[in-house]
Amino acid sequence: MPIAVDIDVMLARRKMSVGELADRIGITPANLAVLKNGRAKAVRFATLAALCEVLECQPGDLLRWEAEDTAGE
């Protein structure tokens, strides 16, 4: 998928665990893992806003676009 999720980077910078972040934004650790591992198909703006508030960052610090490798086509 061309959207990369960098939640791990922000967690490391803030020295915060996945469990603590999940508690603070009000989602389960399992759902946060789906999001941070790039397996989510969508993210609610409310969840994105909560992530940004708790991690003190901007949406662009958490999500970035990467071109897909089309060399094999």
N, C-alpha and C. Protein backbone atom coordinates (compact mmCIF):
# COMPACT_ATOMS: atom_id res chain seq x y z
N MET A 1 0.85 -1.18 0.00
CA MET A 1 0.00 0.00 0.00
C MET A 1 0.89 1.24 0.00
N PRO A 2 0.54 2.24 -0.76
CA PRO A 2 1.41 3.41 -0.86
C PRO A 2 1.39 4.35 0.34
N ILE A 3 0.53 4.11 1.33
CA ILE A 3 0.53 4.94 2.53
C ILE A 3 1.31 4.19 3.63
N ALA A 4 2.38 4.80 4.09
CA ALA A 4 3.20 4.21 5.16
C ALA A 4 2.81 4.85 6.49
N VAL A 5 2.78 4.06 7.54
CA VAL A 5 2.39 4.53 8.87
C VAL A 5 3.64 4.53 9.75
N ASP A 6 3.92 5.69 10.35
CA ASP A 6 5.12 5.86 11.16
C ASP A 6 4.80 6.05 12.64
N ILE A 7 3.79 5.38 13.14
CA ILE A 7 3.44 5.50 14.56
C ILE A 7 4.59 4.99 15.42
N ASP A 8 5.27 3.93 15.00
CA ASP A 8 6.40 3.40 15.78
C ASP A 8 7.48 4.45 16.00
N VAL A 9 7.73 5.27 14.98
CA VAL A 9 8.75 6.31 15.09
C VAL A 9 8.37 7.30 16.18
N MET A 10 7.10 7.73 16.17
CA MET A 10 6.66 8.70 17.17
C MET A 10 6.61 8.08 18.56
N LEU A 11 6.23 6.81 18.65
CA LEU A 11 6.23 6.13 19.95
C LEU A 11 7.65 6.10 20.53
N ALA A 12 8.62 5.80 19.70
CA ALA A 12 10.01 5.77 20.17
C ALA A 12 10.48 7.15 20.60
N ARG A 13 10.13 8.17 19.83
CA ARG A 13 10.53 9.54 20.18
C ARG A 13 9.91 9.98 21.50
N ARG A 14 8.69 9.53 21.77
CA ARG A 14 7.98 9.93 22.98
C ARG A 14 8.20 8.95 24.14
N LYS A 15 9.00 7.89 23.86
CA LYS A 15 9.27 6.85 24.86
C LYS A 15 7.97 6.34 25.49
N MET A 16 7.04 5.95 24.60
CA MET A 16 5.72 5.51 25.02
C MET A 16 5.47 4.11 24.46
N SER A 17 4.77 3.30 25.24
CA SER A 17 4.45 1.95 24.79
C SER A 17 3.16 1.95 23.98
N VAL A 18 2.96 0.89 23.21
CA VAL A 18 1.73 0.74 22.44
C VAL A 18 0.53 0.68 23.38
N GLY A 19 0.68 -0.04 24.48
CA GLY A 19 -0.42 -0.15 25.44
C GLY A 19 -0.80 1.19 26.04
N GLU A 20 0.19 1.99 26.40
CA GLU A 20 -0.10 3.31 26.96
C GLU A 20 -0.80 4.20 25.93
N LEU A 21 -0.30 4.18 24.68
CA LEU A 21 -0.93 4.99 23.64
C LEU A 21 -2.37 4.55 23.40
N ALA A 22 -2.59 3.24 23.33
CA ALA A 22 -3.95 2.73 23.12
C ALA A 22 -4.88 3.20 24.24
N ASP A 23 -4.42 3.11 25.49
CA ASP A 23 -5.23 3.58 26.61
C ASP A 23 -5.55 5.06 26.50
N ARG A 24 -4.55 5.84 26.14
CA ARG A 24 -4.73 7.30 26.11
C ARG A 24 -5.61 7.77 24.96
N ILE A 25 -5.66 7.02 23.85
CA ILE A 25 -6.52 7.44 22.75
C ILE A 25 -7.85 6.69 22.73
N GLY A 26 -8.00 5.69 23.58
CA GLY A 26 -9.28 5.03 23.73
C GLY A 26 -9.58 3.95 22.70
N ILE A 27 -8.55 3.24 22.22
CA ILE A 27 -8.78 2.09 21.35
C ILE A 27 -8.04 0.89 21.93
N THR A 28 -8.37 -0.29 21.45
CA THR A 28 -7.71 -1.49 21.96
C THR A 28 -6.29 -1.58 21.41
N PRO A 29 -5.39 -2.21 22.17
CA PRO A 29 -4.03 -2.42 21.64
C PRO A 29 -4.04 -3.19 20.32
N ALA A 30 -4.98 -4.12 20.16
CA ALA A 30 -5.06 -4.89 18.91
C ALA A 30 -5.41 -3.98 17.73
N ASN A 31 -6.37 -3.07 17.93
CA ASN A 31 -6.73 -2.15 16.84
C ASN A 31 -5.60 -1.17 16.55
N LEU A 32 -4.89 -0.73 17.57
CA LEU A 32 -3.74 0.14 17.35
C LEU A 32 -2.65 -0.60 16.58
N ALA A 33 -2.44 -1.88 16.89
CA ALA A 33 -1.45 -2.68 16.17
C ALA A 33 -1.80 -2.80 14.69
N VAL A 34 -3.07 -2.99 14.38
CA VAL A 34 -3.51 -3.06 12.98
C VAL A 34 -3.17 -1.74 12.28
N LEU A 35 -3.42 -0.64 12.94
CA LEU A 35 -3.14 0.68 12.36
C LEU A 35 -1.64 0.89 12.20
N LYS A 36 -0.88 0.65 13.24
CA LYS A 36 0.55 0.96 13.18
C LYS A 36 1.33 0.03 12.25
N ASN A 37 0.81 -1.17 12.01
CA ASN A 37 1.47 -2.10 11.11
C ASN A 37 1.04 -1.93 9.65
N GLY A 38 0.22 -0.92 9.39
CA GLY A 38 -0.17 -0.61 8.01
C GLY A 38 -1.22 -1.54 7.44
N ARG A 39 -1.91 -2.30 8.28
CA ARG A 39 -2.93 -3.23 7.79
C ARG A 39 -4.33 -2.64 7.79
N ALA A 40 -4.50 -1.44 8.33
CA ALA A 40 -5.82 -0.80 8.37
C ALA A 40 -6.20 -0.30 6.99
N LYS A 41 -7.47 -0.41 6.64
CA LYS A 41 -7.97 0.09 5.37
C LYS A 41 -8.41 1.54 5.48
N ALA A 42 -8.65 2.01 6.72
CA ALA A 42 -9.12 3.38 6.94
C ALA A 42 -8.76 3.78 8.36
N VAL A 43 -8.75 5.08 8.60
CA VAL A 43 -8.57 5.60 9.95
C VAL A 43 -9.56 6.76 10.13
N ARG A 44 -10.25 6.75 11.24
CA ARG A 44 -11.19 7.84 11.53
C ARG A 44 -10.42 9.11 11.85
N PHE A 45 -10.96 10.24 11.43
CA PHE A 45 -10.31 11.51 11.76
C PHE A 45 -10.24 11.70 13.27
N ALA A 46 -11.24 11.22 14.00
CA ALA A 46 -11.21 11.34 15.47
C ALA A 46 -10.03 10.56 16.05
N THR A 47 -9.75 9.39 15.49
CA THR A 47 -8.61 8.59 15.95
C THR A 47 -7.30 9.27 15.58
N LEU A 48 -7.22 9.79 14.36
CA LEU A 48 -6.02 10.50 13.92
C LEU A 48 -5.78 11.73 14.79
N ALA A 49 -6.85 12.45 15.09
CA ALA A 49 -6.72 13.64 15.95
C ALA A 49 -6.24 13.25 17.35
N ALA A 50 -6.78 12.16 17.88
CA ALA A 50 -6.36 11.70 19.21
C ALA A 50 -4.89 11.28 19.20
N LEU A 51 -4.46 10.59 18.15
CA LEU A 51 -3.05 10.21 18.02
C LEU A 51 -2.16 11.44 18.02
N CYS A 52 -2.55 12.44 17.24
CA CYS A 52 -1.75 13.66 17.13
C CYS A 52 -1.72 14.41 18.47
N GLU A 53 -2.85 14.44 19.16
CA GLU A 53 -2.90 15.14 20.45
C GLU A 53 -1.98 14.46 21.47
N VAL A 54 -2.10 13.14 21.60
CA VAL A 54 -1.32 12.41 22.60
C VAL A 54 0.16 12.40 22.24
N LEU A 55 0.48 12.23 20.96
CA LEU A 55 1.88 12.17 20.54
C LEU A 55 2.48 13.55 20.25
N GLU A 56 1.64 14.59 20.35
CA GLU A 56 2.08 15.96 20.10
C GLU A 56 2.79 16.08 18.76
N CYS A 57 2.04 15.74 17.71
CA CYS A 57 2.61 15.76 16.36
C CYS A 57 1.52 16.14 15.36
N GLN A 58 1.90 16.19 14.12
CA GLN A 58 0.99 16.49 13.01
C GLN A 58 0.67 15.19 12.27
N PRO A 59 -0.47 15.14 11.54
CA PRO A 59 -0.81 13.93 10.79
C PRO A 59 0.32 13.48 9.86
N GLY A 60 1.02 14.42 9.27
CA GLY A 60 2.12 14.08 8.37
C GLY A 60 3.30 13.42 9.06
N ASP A 61 3.36 13.53 10.39
CA ASP A 61 4.40 12.84 11.14
C ASP A 61 4.07 11.36 11.29
N LEU A 62 2.79 11.01 11.11
CA LEU A 62 2.32 9.64 11.29
C LEU A 62 2.07 8.91 9.98
N LEU A 63 1.70 9.65 8.94
CA LEU A 63 1.33 9.05 7.66
C LEU A 63 2.14 9.69 6.55
N ARG A 64 2.61 8.87 5.61
CA ARG A 64 3.31 9.42 4.44
C ARG A 64 3.02 8.54 3.23
N TRP A 65 3.08 9.15 2.08
CA TRP A 65 2.83 8.45 0.83
C TRP A 65 4.14 7.96 0.26
N GLU A 66 4.14 6.71 -0.22
CA GLU A 66 5.30 6.13 -0.91
C GLU A 66 4.83 5.59 -2.25
N ALA A 67 5.57 5.86 -3.28
CA ALA A 67 5.24 5.33 -4.60
C ALA A 67 5.32 3.81 -4.58
N GLU A 68 4.39 3.17 -5.24
CA GLU A 68 4.41 1.71 -5.34
C GLU A 68 5.45 1.29 -6.37
N ASP A 69 6.07 0.16 -6.13
CA ASP A 69 7.05 -0.38 -7.07
C ASP A 69 6.31 -1.01 -8.25
N THR A 70 6.43 -0.42 -9.41
CA THR A 70 5.74 -0.93 -10.61
C THR A 70 6.72 -1.54 -11.60
N ALA A 71 7.94 -1.82 -11.15
CA ALA A 71 8.97 -2.35 -12.05
C ALA A 71 8.60 -3.71 -12.63
N GLY A 72 7.80 -4.50 -11.90
CA GLY A 72 7.47 -5.83 -12.35
C GLY A 72 6.28 -5.88 -13.31
N GLU A 73 5.71 -4.76 -13.63
CA GLU A 73 4.51 -4.75 -14.50
C GLU A 73 4.86 -4.62 -15.95
